[in-house]
Protein backbone atom coordinates (compact mmCIF):
# COMPACT_ATOMS: atom_id res chain seq x y z
CA MET A 1 0.03 0.01 -0.02
CA ASN A 2 1.52 3.36 -0.99
CA MET A 3 1.27 6.48 1.03
CA ALA A 4 -1.39 8.12 -1.19
CA ARG A 5 -3.69 5.24 -0.95
CA ALA A 6 -3.24 5.00 2.77
CA ALA A 7 -3.97 8.69 3.14
CA SER A 8 -7.13 8.25 1.02
CA ILE A 9 -8.40 5.42 3.29
CA LEU A 10 -7.63 7.56 6.34
CA ALA A 11 -9.54 10.54 4.99
CA LEU A 12 -12.62 8.36 4.22
CA MET A 13 -12.62 6.95 7.73
CA VAL A 14 -12.48 10.31 9.41
CA VAL A 15 -15.20 11.73 7.22
CA ALA A 16 -17.43 8.73 7.91
CA GLY A 17 -17.03 9.23 11.64
CA CYS A 18 -20.13 10.09 13.71
CA THR A 19 -21.00 11.03 17.29
CA VAL A 20 -23.23 8.49 18.90
CA GLY A 21 -25.53 9.09 21.86
CA PRO A 22 -28.20 11.67 22.46
CA ASP A 23 -27.47 15.33 21.66
CA TYR A 24 -27.89 17.77 24.61
CA VAL A 25 -31.11 19.75 24.79
CA ALA A 26 -31.19 22.43 27.39
CA PRO A 27 -33.77 21.85 30.10
CA HIS A 28 -36.46 24.57 30.51
CA ALA A 29 -38.93 25.14 33.33
CA GLU A 30 -41.57 27.83 33.23
CA GLY A 31 -41.56 30.36 36.09
CA PRO A 32 -44.63 32.12 37.43
CA ALA A 33 -46.27 34.95 35.60
CA GLN A 34 -46.00 36.95 38.79
CA TRP A 35 -44.85 36.31 42.28
CA VAL A 36 -47.40 35.44 44.92
CA GLY A 37 -45.54 37.41 47.52
CA ARG A 38 -45.28 40.46 45.20
CA PRO A 39 -48.30 40.85 42.93
CA GLY A 40 -48.61 43.84 40.77
CA VAL A 41 -48.25 45.34 37.36
CA PRO A 42 -45.18 43.72 35.63
CA SER A 43 -42.21 45.97 35.37
CA LEU A 44 -38.83 45.63 33.54
CA SER A 45 -35.70 45.06 35.52
CA VAL A 46 -32.21 44.00 34.61
CA PRO A 47 -29.57 42.23 36.65
CA ASP A 48 -27.33 44.22 38.79
CA GLU A 49 -24.36 42.17 40.04
CA LEU A 50 -23.15 45.19 42.18
CA TRP A 51 -26.16 45.04 44.37
CA TRP A 52 -24.32 46.16 47.45
CA ALA A 53 -23.66 49.49 45.90
CA GLY A 54 -27.31 50.39 46.37
CA PHE A 55 -26.69 50.59 50.11
CA HIS A 56 -24.48 53.64 49.51
CA ASP A 57 -22.05 52.54 52.24
CA PRO A 58 -18.36 52.92 51.29
CA GLN A 59 -17.29 50.69 54.17
CA LEU A 60 -19.62 47.82 53.00
CA SER A 61 -18.25 48.19 49.44
CA ARG A 62 -14.70 48.04 50.74
CA LEU A 63 -15.42 44.79 52.66
CA ILE A 64 -17.13 43.30 49.70
CA HIS A 65 -14.01 44.08 47.60
CA GLU A 66 -11.69 42.56 50.17
CA ALA A 67 -13.75 39.40 50.45
CA LEU A 68 -13.76 38.99 46.64
CA THR A 69 -10.06 39.47 46.34
CA ARG A 70 -8.77 37.76 49.53
CA ASN A 71 -11.17 35.09 50.71
CA ASN A 72 -9.31 31.76 50.93
CA ASP A 73 -12.40 29.52 50.22
CA LEU A 74 -13.12 31.56 47.10
CA ALA A 75 -9.52 31.50 45.83
CA ALA A 76 -9.42 27.65 46.41
CA ALA A 77 -12.69 27.24 44.40
CA GLU A 78 -11.23 29.37 41.50
CA LYS A 79 -8.16 26.99 41.51
CA ARG A 80 -10.47 24.01 41.12
CA VAL A 81 -12.25 25.60 38.21
CA GLU A 82 -8.89 26.25 36.59
CA ALA A 83 -8.03 22.50 37.12
CA ALA A 84 -11.37 21.51 35.62
CA ARG A 85 -10.54 23.78 32.57
CA ASP A 86 -7.26 21.85 32.10
CA GLN A 87 -9.27 18.58 32.21
CA ILE A 88 -11.00 19.73 29.10
CA ARG A 89 -7.67 19.91 27.34
CA ILE A 90 -6.76 16.38 28.65
CA GLU A 91 -9.87 14.86 27.28
CA ALA A 92 -9.62 16.76 23.93
CA ALA A 93 -6.06 15.68 23.55
CA ALA A 94 -7.15 12.01 23.13
CA SER A 95 -8.33 12.90 19.52
CA SER A 96 -4.80 13.90 18.58
CA PRO A 97 -1.94 11.61 17.45
CA VAL A 98 0.61 10.59 20.04
CA ILE A 99 4.21 10.74 18.67
CA GLY A 100 7.30 9.63 20.38
CA LEU A 101 10.99 9.83 19.59
CA GLY A 102 13.48 7.07 20.51
CA GLY A 103 16.88 5.80 19.63
CA ILE A 104 19.15 2.89 20.37
CA ALA A 105 22.95 2.65 20.23
CA GLU A 106 24.42 -0.64 21.29
CA ASN A 107 27.42 -2.94 20.72
CA ARG A 108 26.35 -6.53 20.99
CA ARG A 109 28.27 -9.85 20.66
CA GLN A 110 26.38 -12.96 19.32
CA SER A 111 26.93 -16.31 20.93
CA GLN A 112 28.58 -18.61 18.46
CA THR A 113 27.39 -21.87 20.18
CA ILE A 114 23.68 -21.49 19.78
CA GLN A 115 22.23 -23.34 16.78
CA TRP A 116 18.80 -21.68 16.74
CA PRO A 117 17.87 -19.16 15.63
CA PRO A 118 20.29 -19.05 12.81
CA ARG A 119 22.95 -16.36 13.38
CA ALA A 120 22.89 -13.54 10.85
CA SER A 121 26.52 -12.86 11.77
CA ALA A 122 29.00 -14.11 14.17
CA GLY A 123 30.97 -12.18 16.72
CA ASP A 124 30.49 -8.48 17.61
CA TYR A 125 28.36 -5.98 15.72
CA ARG A 126 27.03 -2.46 16.33
CA TYR A 127 23.42 -1.39 16.06
CA TRP A 128 22.18 2.21 15.67
CA SER A 129 18.53 3.19 15.52
CA LEU A 130 16.75 6.49 15.64
CA GLY A 131 13.12 7.27 14.72
CA PHE A 132 9.63 8.38 15.50
CA ASP A 133 6.85 6.12 16.59
CA GLY A 134 3.26 7.19 16.92
CA SER A 135 -0.27 6.13 17.12
CA TRP A 136 -3.59 7.85 16.36
CA GLU A 137 -6.84 6.41 17.67
CA LEU A 138 -9.55 7.68 15.41
CA ASP A 139 -12.59 9.11 17.12
CA LEU A 140 -14.94 7.56 14.46
CA PHE A 141 -17.94 7.17 16.95
CA GLY A 142 -17.40 10.32 19.02
CA MET A 143 -16.23 8.84 22.36
CA THR A 144 -13.50 11.59 22.69
CA ARG A 145 -15.89 14.28 21.59
CA ARG A 146 -18.48 13.13 24.09
CA ARG A 147 -15.83 13.00 26.89
CA THR A 148 -14.74 16.46 25.92
CA GLU A 149 -18.31 17.64 25.93
CA ALA A 150 -18.79 16.15 29.44
CA ALA A 151 -15.59 17.81 30.67
CA ARG A 152 -16.80 21.16 29.40
CA ALA A 153 -20.05 20.70 31.09
CA SER A 154 -18.36 19.68 34.31
CA GLN A 155 -16.08 22.72 34.17
CA ALA A 156 -19.18 25.00 33.66
CA GLU A 157 -20.92 23.20 36.59
CA MET A 158 -17.88 24.01 38.83
CA ALA A 159 -17.83 27.56 37.56
CA ALA A 160 -21.52 27.98 38.49
CA GLU A 161 -20.72 26.48 41.92
CA LEU A 162 -18.01 29.03 42.18
CA ASP A 163 -20.58 31.77 41.34
CA GLY A 164 -22.83 30.31 44.14
CA LEU A 165 -19.99 30.40 46.66
CA ARG A 166 -19.29 33.97 45.62
CA LEU A 167 -22.95 34.94 45.97
CA ARG A 168 -23.15 33.33 49.46
CA LEU A 169 -19.91 35.08 50.47
CA LEU A 170 -21.24 38.51 49.50
CA ALA A 171 -24.56 37.92 51.10
CA GLU A 172 -22.81 36.75 54.31
CA VAL A 173 -20.51 39.86 54.32
CA GLY A 174 -23.61 42.07 53.82
CA ALA A 175 -25.55 40.36 56.52
CA ASP A 176 -22.76 40.46 59.06
CA TYR A 177 -22.07 44.15 58.41
CA VAL A 178 -25.71 45.07 58.76
CA THR A 179 -25.82 43.03 62.11
CA TRP A 180 -22.72 44.84 63.32
CA CYS A 181 -24.32 48.26 62.53
CA ALA A 182 -27.55 47.15 64.18
CA ALA A 183 -25.75 45.97 67.26
CA LEU A 184 -24.10 49.40 67.67
CA ALA A 185 -27.31 51.30 67.03
CA ARG A 186 -29.13 49.14 69.55
CA LEU A 187 -26.25 49.48 71.99
CA GLN A 188 -26.55 53.31 71.91
CA VAL A 189 -30.31 53.06 72.54
CA ALA A 190 -29.61 50.65 75.42
CA LYS A 191 -27.12 53.09 77.03
CA ASP A 192 -29.70 55.98 76.65
CA ARG A 193 -32.31 53.79 78.32
CA ILE A 194 -29.93 52.86 81.15
CA ALA A 195 -29.27 56.55 81.82
CA LEU A 196 -32.99 57.22 81.99
CA VAL A 197 -33.69 54.15 84.17
CA ALA A 198 -30.86 55.22 86.51
CA ARG A 199 -32.37 58.70 86.94
CA GLN A 200 -35.65 57.02 87.56
CA ARG A 201 -34.10 54.87 90.25
CA ASP A 202 -32.37 57.89 91.80
CA LEU A 203 -35.77 59.73 91.78
CA VAL A 204 -37.49 56.76 93.51
CA THR A 205 -34.74 56.54 96.05
CA HIS A 206 -35.07 60.25 96.79
CA GLU A 207 -38.77 59.96 97.22
CA TRP A 208 -38.34 57.00 99.51
CA HIS A 209 -35.96 58.95 101.71
CA ALA A 210 -38.61 61.67 101.73
CA GLY A 211 -41.26 59.10 102.86
CA ALA A 212 -43.23 59.36 99.58
CA ARG A 213 -42.34 55.82 98.45
CA GLY A 214 -42.19 52.42 99.91
CA HIS A 215 -39.07 50.16 99.96
CA ALA A 216 -40.76 47.87 97.39
CA ASP A 217 -40.70 50.78 94.91
CA VAL A 218 -36.97 51.16 95.44
CA ASP A 219 -36.44 47.38 94.95
CA GLN A 220 -38.42 47.54 91.74
CA ALA A 221 -36.46 50.49 90.51
CA GLU A 222 -33.18 48.63 91.21
CA ALA A 223 -34.40 45.62 89.38
CA ASP A 224 -35.42 47.70 86.40
CA LEU A 225 -31.97 49.21 86.28
CA ALA A 226 -30.25 45.84 86.50
CA ALA A 227 -32.53 44.52 83.71
CA ALA A 228 -31.64 47.44 81.48
CA GLN A 229 -27.91 47.00 82.16
CA GLN A 230 -28.15 43.30 81.32
CA THR A 231 -29.10 44.28 77.67
CA VAL A 232 -25.55 45.73 76.98
CA PRO A 233 -23.22 42.64 77.28
CA PRO A 234 -25.11 40.58 74.57
CA LEU A 235 -25.07 43.53 72.00
CA LEU A 236 -21.33 43.99 72.77
CA ALA A 237 -20.74 40.37 72.22
CA GLN A 238 -22.77 40.43 68.98
CA ALA A 239 -20.83 43.37 67.67
CA THR A 240 -17.52 41.65 68.45
CA GLU A 241 -18.66 38.37 66.88
CA MET A 242 -19.76 40.13 63.59
CA LYS A 243 -16.44 41.98 63.46
CA ASN A 244 -14.56 38.78 63.85
CA ALA A 245 -16.76 37.11 61.20
CA LEU A 246 -16.04 39.84 58.77
CA ALA A 247 -12.26 39.51 59.50
CA ILE A 248 -12.39 35.86 58.59
CA LEU A 249 -14.48 36.47 55.40
CA THR A 250 -11.93 39.09 54.31
CA ALA A 251 -8.92 36.82 55.28
CA THR A 252 -7.89 39.25 58.07
CA THR A 253 -7.02 38.52 61.69
CA PRO A 254 -9.63 39.80 64.20
CA GLU A 255 -7.14 41.97 65.88
CA ALA A 256 -6.19 43.63 62.57
CA MET A 257 -9.77 44.17 61.47
CA GLN A 258 -10.65 47.87 61.14
CA LEU A 259 -14.28 49.03 61.23
CA THR A 260 -15.62 52.54 61.63
CA PRO A 261 -19.15 52.99 63.07
CA ARG A 262 -21.51 54.93 60.74
CA ALA A 263 -21.73 58.62 61.65
CA ASP A 264 -25.27 58.41 62.84
CA LEU A 265 -25.13 54.81 64.06
CA SER A 266 -27.85 53.95 61.58
CA ILE A 267 -28.53 50.67 59.73
CA PRO A 268 -27.68 50.82 56.04
CA LEU A 269 -30.78 50.52 53.91
CA PRO A 270 -31.09 48.50 50.64
CA PRO A 271 -32.34 50.18 47.39
CA ALA A 272 -35.99 50.07 46.66
CA ARG A 273 -37.25 47.05 44.76
CA PRO A 274 -39.28 47.37 41.47
CA PRO A 275 -42.98 46.76 41.69
CA SER A 276 -42.62 43.24 40.46
CA LEU A 277 -39.72 40.93 39.74
CA PRO A 278 -39.61 38.98 36.49
CA SER A 279 -39.27 35.14 36.98
CA GLU A 280 -36.50 35.13 34.34
CA VAL A 281 -34.12 36.32 37.13
CA LEU A 282 -34.12 32.74 38.45
CA THR A 283 -31.99 31.81 35.49
CA ARG A 284 -29.09 33.75 37.18
CA ARG A 285 -29.18 31.56 40.22
CA PRO A 286 -25.91 29.56 40.32
CA ASP A 287 -27.54 26.41 41.68
CA ILE A 288 -30.00 26.31 38.66
CA GLN A 289 -27.08 26.92 36.28
CA ALA A 290 -25.06 24.18 38.05
CA ALA A 291 -28.08 21.84 37.71
CA THR A 292 -28.36 22.67 33.98
CA PHE A 293 -24.64 21.93 33.37
CA ARG A 294 -24.90 18.69 35.48
CA TYR A 295 -27.68 17.58 33.13
CA ALA A 296 -25.48 18.41 30.06
CA ARG A 297 -22.57 16.42 31.53
CA ASP A 298 -24.69 13.31 32.26
CA SER A 299 -26.23 13.56 28.79
CA ALA A 300 -22.74 13.48 27.26
CA GLU A 301 -21.81 10.47 29.41
CA ILE A 302 -24.46 8.46 27.69
CA GLY A 303 -22.63 9.00 24.37
CA VAL A 304 -19.39 7.83 26.00
CA ALA A 305 -21.14 4.66 27.12
CA VAL A 306 -22.68 4.01 23.73
CA ALA A 307 -19.45 4.63 21.93
CA SER A 308 -17.85 1.75 23.98
CA LEU A 309 -20.10 -0.61 21.90
CA TYR A 310 -18.23 0.19 18.67
CA PRO A 311 -14.79 -0.88 17.45
CA LYS A 312 -11.73 1.10 18.28
CA VAL A 313 -9.61 1.98 15.26
CA ALA A 314 -6.13 3.31 15.38
CA ILE A 315 -3.33 4.19 12.92
CA PRO A 316 0.16 3.01 14.05
CA LEU A 317 3.08 4.83 12.56
CA ASP A 318 6.88 4.20 12.70
CA PHE A 319 9.51 6.16 10.82
CA GLY A 320 13.20 6.27 11.38
CA VAL A 321 16.59 4.88 10.45
CA THR A 322 18.50 1.66 11.44
CA THR A 323 22.07 0.82 10.55
CA SER A 324 25.15 -0.88 11.79
CA THR A 325 27.48 1.79 10.50
CA LEU A 326 26.91 5.31 11.89
CA HIS A 327 28.04 7.09 8.69
CA GLN A 328 25.15 5.42 6.77
CA ALA A 329 22.48 6.39 9.35
CA PHE A 330 20.87 9.20 7.28
CA THR A 331 21.03 7.46 3.84
CA THR A 332 18.04 6.23 1.99
CA ALA A 333 19.20 2.62 2.40
CA SER A 334 18.83 2.92 6.14
CA LEU A 335 15.37 4.43 6.15
CA LEU A 336 12.30 2.36 7.42
CA TRP A 337 8.69 3.23 8.00
CA GLN A 338 5.47 1.48 8.77
CA LEU A 339 1.97 2.68 8.39
CA GLY A 340 -1.27 0.69 8.91
CA VAL A 341 -4.66 0.43 10.44
CA THR A 342 -5.54 -1.53 13.58
CA ALA A 343 -9.05 -2.32 14.80
CA GLY A 344 -10.38 -4.05 17.78
CA GLU A 345 -13.84 -4.87 19.18
CA THR A 346 -14.92 -6.45 22.39
CA ILE A 347 -17.44 -9.17 21.52
CA TYR A 348 -18.40 -10.22 25.05
CA ALA A 349 -18.09 -8.34 28.38
CA GLY A 350 -20.85 -10.04 30.39
CA GLY A 351 -23.35 -7.21 29.84
CA ARG A 352 -21.03 -4.62 31.35
CA ARG A 353 -21.30 -2.08 28.47
CA THR A 354 -25.03 -2.17 28.16
CA ALA A 355 -25.24 -1.91 31.95
CA GLN A 356 -23.02 1.25 31.65
CA ILE A 357 -25.38 2.67 29.14
CA ASP A 358 -28.45 2.02 31.33
CA ALA A 359 -26.67 3.61 34.29
CA ALA A 360 -25.68 6.65 32.29
CA ARG A 361 -29.23 7.19 31.13
CA LEU A 362 -30.60 6.86 34.71
CA GLN A 363 -28.09 9.27 35.83
CA ARG A 364 -29.16 11.78 33.17
CA ASP A 365 -32.82 11.30 34.24
CA ALA A 366 -31.81 11.95 37.85
CA ALA A 367 -29.96 15.10 36.80
CA TRP A 368 -33.12 16.23 34.99
CA LEU A 369 -35.21 15.67 38.16
CA GLY A 370 -32.53 17.50 40.08
CA TYR A 371 -32.85 20.47 37.81
CA ARG A 372 -36.65 20.57 38.28
CA GLN A 373 -36.20 20.37 41.94
CA ALA A 374 -33.65 23.13 41.95
CA VAL A 375 -36.17 25.36 40.13
CA LEU A 376 -38.94 24.52 42.56
CA ASN A 377 -36.55 25.25 45.54
CA ALA A 378 -35.60 28.60 43.95
CA LEU A 379 -39.26 29.61 43.49
CA ARG A 380 -40.03 28.71 47.01
CA ASP A 381 -36.93 30.50 48.23
CA VAL A 382 -37.99 33.73 46.54
CA GLU A 383 -41.60 33.49 47.54
CA ASP A 384 -40.57 32.93 51.27
CA ARG A 385 -38.28 36.04 51.19
CA LEU A 386 -40.94 38.12 49.43
CA ALA A 387 -43.49 37.10 52.07
CA THR A 388 -41.19 37.81 54.99
CA ILE A 389 -40.22 41.16 53.63
CA GLY A 390 -43.91 42.06 53.21
CA ASP A 391 -44.60 41.15 56.78
CA ASN A 392 -41.54 43.00 58.12
CA GLU A 393 -42.29 46.14 56.12
CA SER A 394 -45.82 46.18 57.61
CA ARG A 395 -44.47 45.76 61.14
CA LEU A 396 -41.83 48.36 60.52
CA SER A 397 -44.48 50.83 59.30
CA SER A 398 -46.53 50.15 62.51
CA VAL A 399 -43.45 50.47 64.75
CA GLY A 400 -42.58 53.75 63.00
CA LEU A 401 -45.98 55.19 63.71
CA GLU A 402 -45.81 54.10 67.26
CA LEU A 403 -42.28 55.46 67.69
CA HIS A 404 -43.37 58.85 66.18
CA ALA A 405 -46.33 58.97 68.65
CA ALA A 406 -44.04 58.03 71.55
CA GLN A 407 -41.56 60.83 70.60
CA GLU A 408 -44.32 63.35 70.36
CA LYS A 409 -45.44 62.38 73.90
CA LEU A 410 -41.82 62.58 75.10
CA LEU A 411 -41.44 66.09 73.71
CA HIS A 412 -44.68 67.07 75.45
CA ALA A 413 -43.57 65.62 78.76
CA GLN A 414 -40.23 67.35 78.41
CA ARG A 415 -41.88 70.77 77.79
CA GLN A 416 -44.17 70.24 80.80
CA TYR A 417 -41.21 69.30 82.97
CA ARG A 418 -39.12 72.27 81.80
CA ASP A 419 -42.05 74.68 82.32
CA GLY A 420 -42.72 73.37 85.72
CA GLU A 421 -46.15 72.01 84.87
CA ASP A 422 -45.17 68.50 85.84
CA ASP A 423 -42.40 66.62 87.67
CA LEU A 424 -39.63 64.50 86.28
CA ALA A 425 -41.26 61.17 86.69
CA PRO A 426 -43.62 61.30 83.60
CA TYR A 427 -40.70 62.55 81.37
CA LEU A 428 -38.49 59.63 82.42
CA VAL A 429 -41.31 57.06 81.95
CA GLN A 430 -41.99 58.35 78.51
CA GLY A 431 -38.29 58.46 77.62
CA ILE A 432 -37.89 54.78 78.63
CA THR A 433 -41.03 53.84 76.62
CA SER A 434 -39.63 55.71 73.55
CA ASP A 435 -36.28 53.96 73.79
CA ARG A 436 -38.03 50.55 74.11
CA ILE A 437 -40.04 51.22 70.90
CA HIS A 438 -36.93 52.59 69.23
CA ASP A 439 -35.06 49.34 69.98
CA GLN A 440 -38.04 47.36 68.62
CA GLY A 441 -37.90 49.45 65.45
CA LEU A 442 -34.20 48.89 65.03
CA THR A 443 -34.70 45.14 65.43
CA THR A 444 -37.46 45.01 62.79
CA GLN A 445 -35.47 47.20 60.52
CA GLN A 446 -32.33 44.92 60.89
CA GLU A 447 -34.64 41.89 60.04
CA THR A 448 -36.05 43.62 56.98
CA VAL A 449 -32.55 44.54 55.68
CA LEU A 450 -31.33 40.98 56.32
CA VAL A 451 -34.29 39.46 54.44
CA SER A 452 -33.65 41.92 51.55
CA ILE A 453 -30.02 40.49 51.44
CA ALA A 454 -31.45 37.11 51.40
CA LEU A 455 -33.70 38.02 48.52
CA TYR A 456 -30.70 39.21 46.53
CA LYS A 457 -29.15 35.86 47.21
CA ALA A 458 -32.33 33.97 46.29
CA LEU A 459 -32.50 35.89 42.92
CA GLY A 460 -28.87 35.31 42.14
CA GLY A 461 -28.01 39.01 42.60
CA GLY A 462 -29.60 42.41 42.62
CA TRP A 463 -31.75 44.23 40.14
CA ARG A 464 -32.28 47.75 38.87
CA PRO A 465 -35.19 49.18 36.85
CA VAL A 466 -35.07 49.92 33.21
CA LEU A 467 -35.70 53.56 32.45
CA SER A 468 -38.54 54.30 29.99
CA GLY A 469 -36.01 55.81 27.56
CA GLY A 470 -34.43 52.32 27.20
CA SER A 471 -31.16 52.87 29.10
CA GLY A 472 -30.52 50.73 32.17
């Protein structure tokens, strides 16, 4: 067989190749027309990955940046994604020829007393050989292509899981920072309440000495002061715990962590949400993306299993020179080559290959069910957050009205005390009541912001409305 004929046969075999197994079809699950927890007129919105910028808090933005660039878990996950990308190259390389280079140089003496095999020559002789040897396994039935396809899907799945880790990290940083701010705000309110309760205790003690109060009133005032003072240590501990948590998330030691309280000791507020949220935002969720790529990977694995039923065809190639005299090594007379086609097929494997196909199909079906469940979990996650936000906003509005009324009464009591129309006791009582409602409002506000952050996480990120002019 001459080289031209061999090349023609090779070309025909490659062209005739096919890819067995099912082709991937992306799964699709319909989302709701509108959210149960947020009914209303549909509005347009677009993804906003920098959702934390809507809090307008430079310190939070700094913490987010440090977490993204320094968090150890995130960096390790990025390395695993890079390794998966290299795995694609490993699988794809199987469709390329493997070529090696080797050489032999030896001086050998033949035994002169052996009768068989017949000696080509007696005594010593030299042997020089240098050449290439290679093999090319033809991917006629697509096993390598399916393996590469599976590797790409696996790498995409890991990239989606990396996005999920990044999303959880940012949500945790935001939640810990908001909790830290809330602890400081509540701590200030607690200190104000302690000061008022202490003045109330002093007033009751003074009245007891004057004979206007009983000792039980003094005991109650002391108990009220002790109860107010007991609210401080848990808030201090919570602020310290959140600061330490932020240090770990940003790969900083707790003692080196620097946080500056907000100027007004307030809780940062999230941006307003659009009237409704399109269900398409669920496609941004990393867990749904990961489930999609997992289904793609398992679909490709079916093709790998099916391809094992077909023969394996390879083209061996040897090319080089062999001589006993070194000066003739690179002459035409010393040239040798070999080119051919090898094929092999397993005719019996005890049902192992068909079982592998069945297992791959079941794995693909399980991945499809996993995708559907991921969508359902995502829908529930968003609905739960929307319902909780609605409840918290309602409570926050009620507490706000109650706090406004309490502060109006406090101002009235303060004016009466200043003008001599009333004594100090009503003013202190109203001040303590106002601080109690204020603390309740801060707690509700903290819960509302934390649920908003959880909603960002549930939706795979933030959102921003599309302006009527068409610009986002």
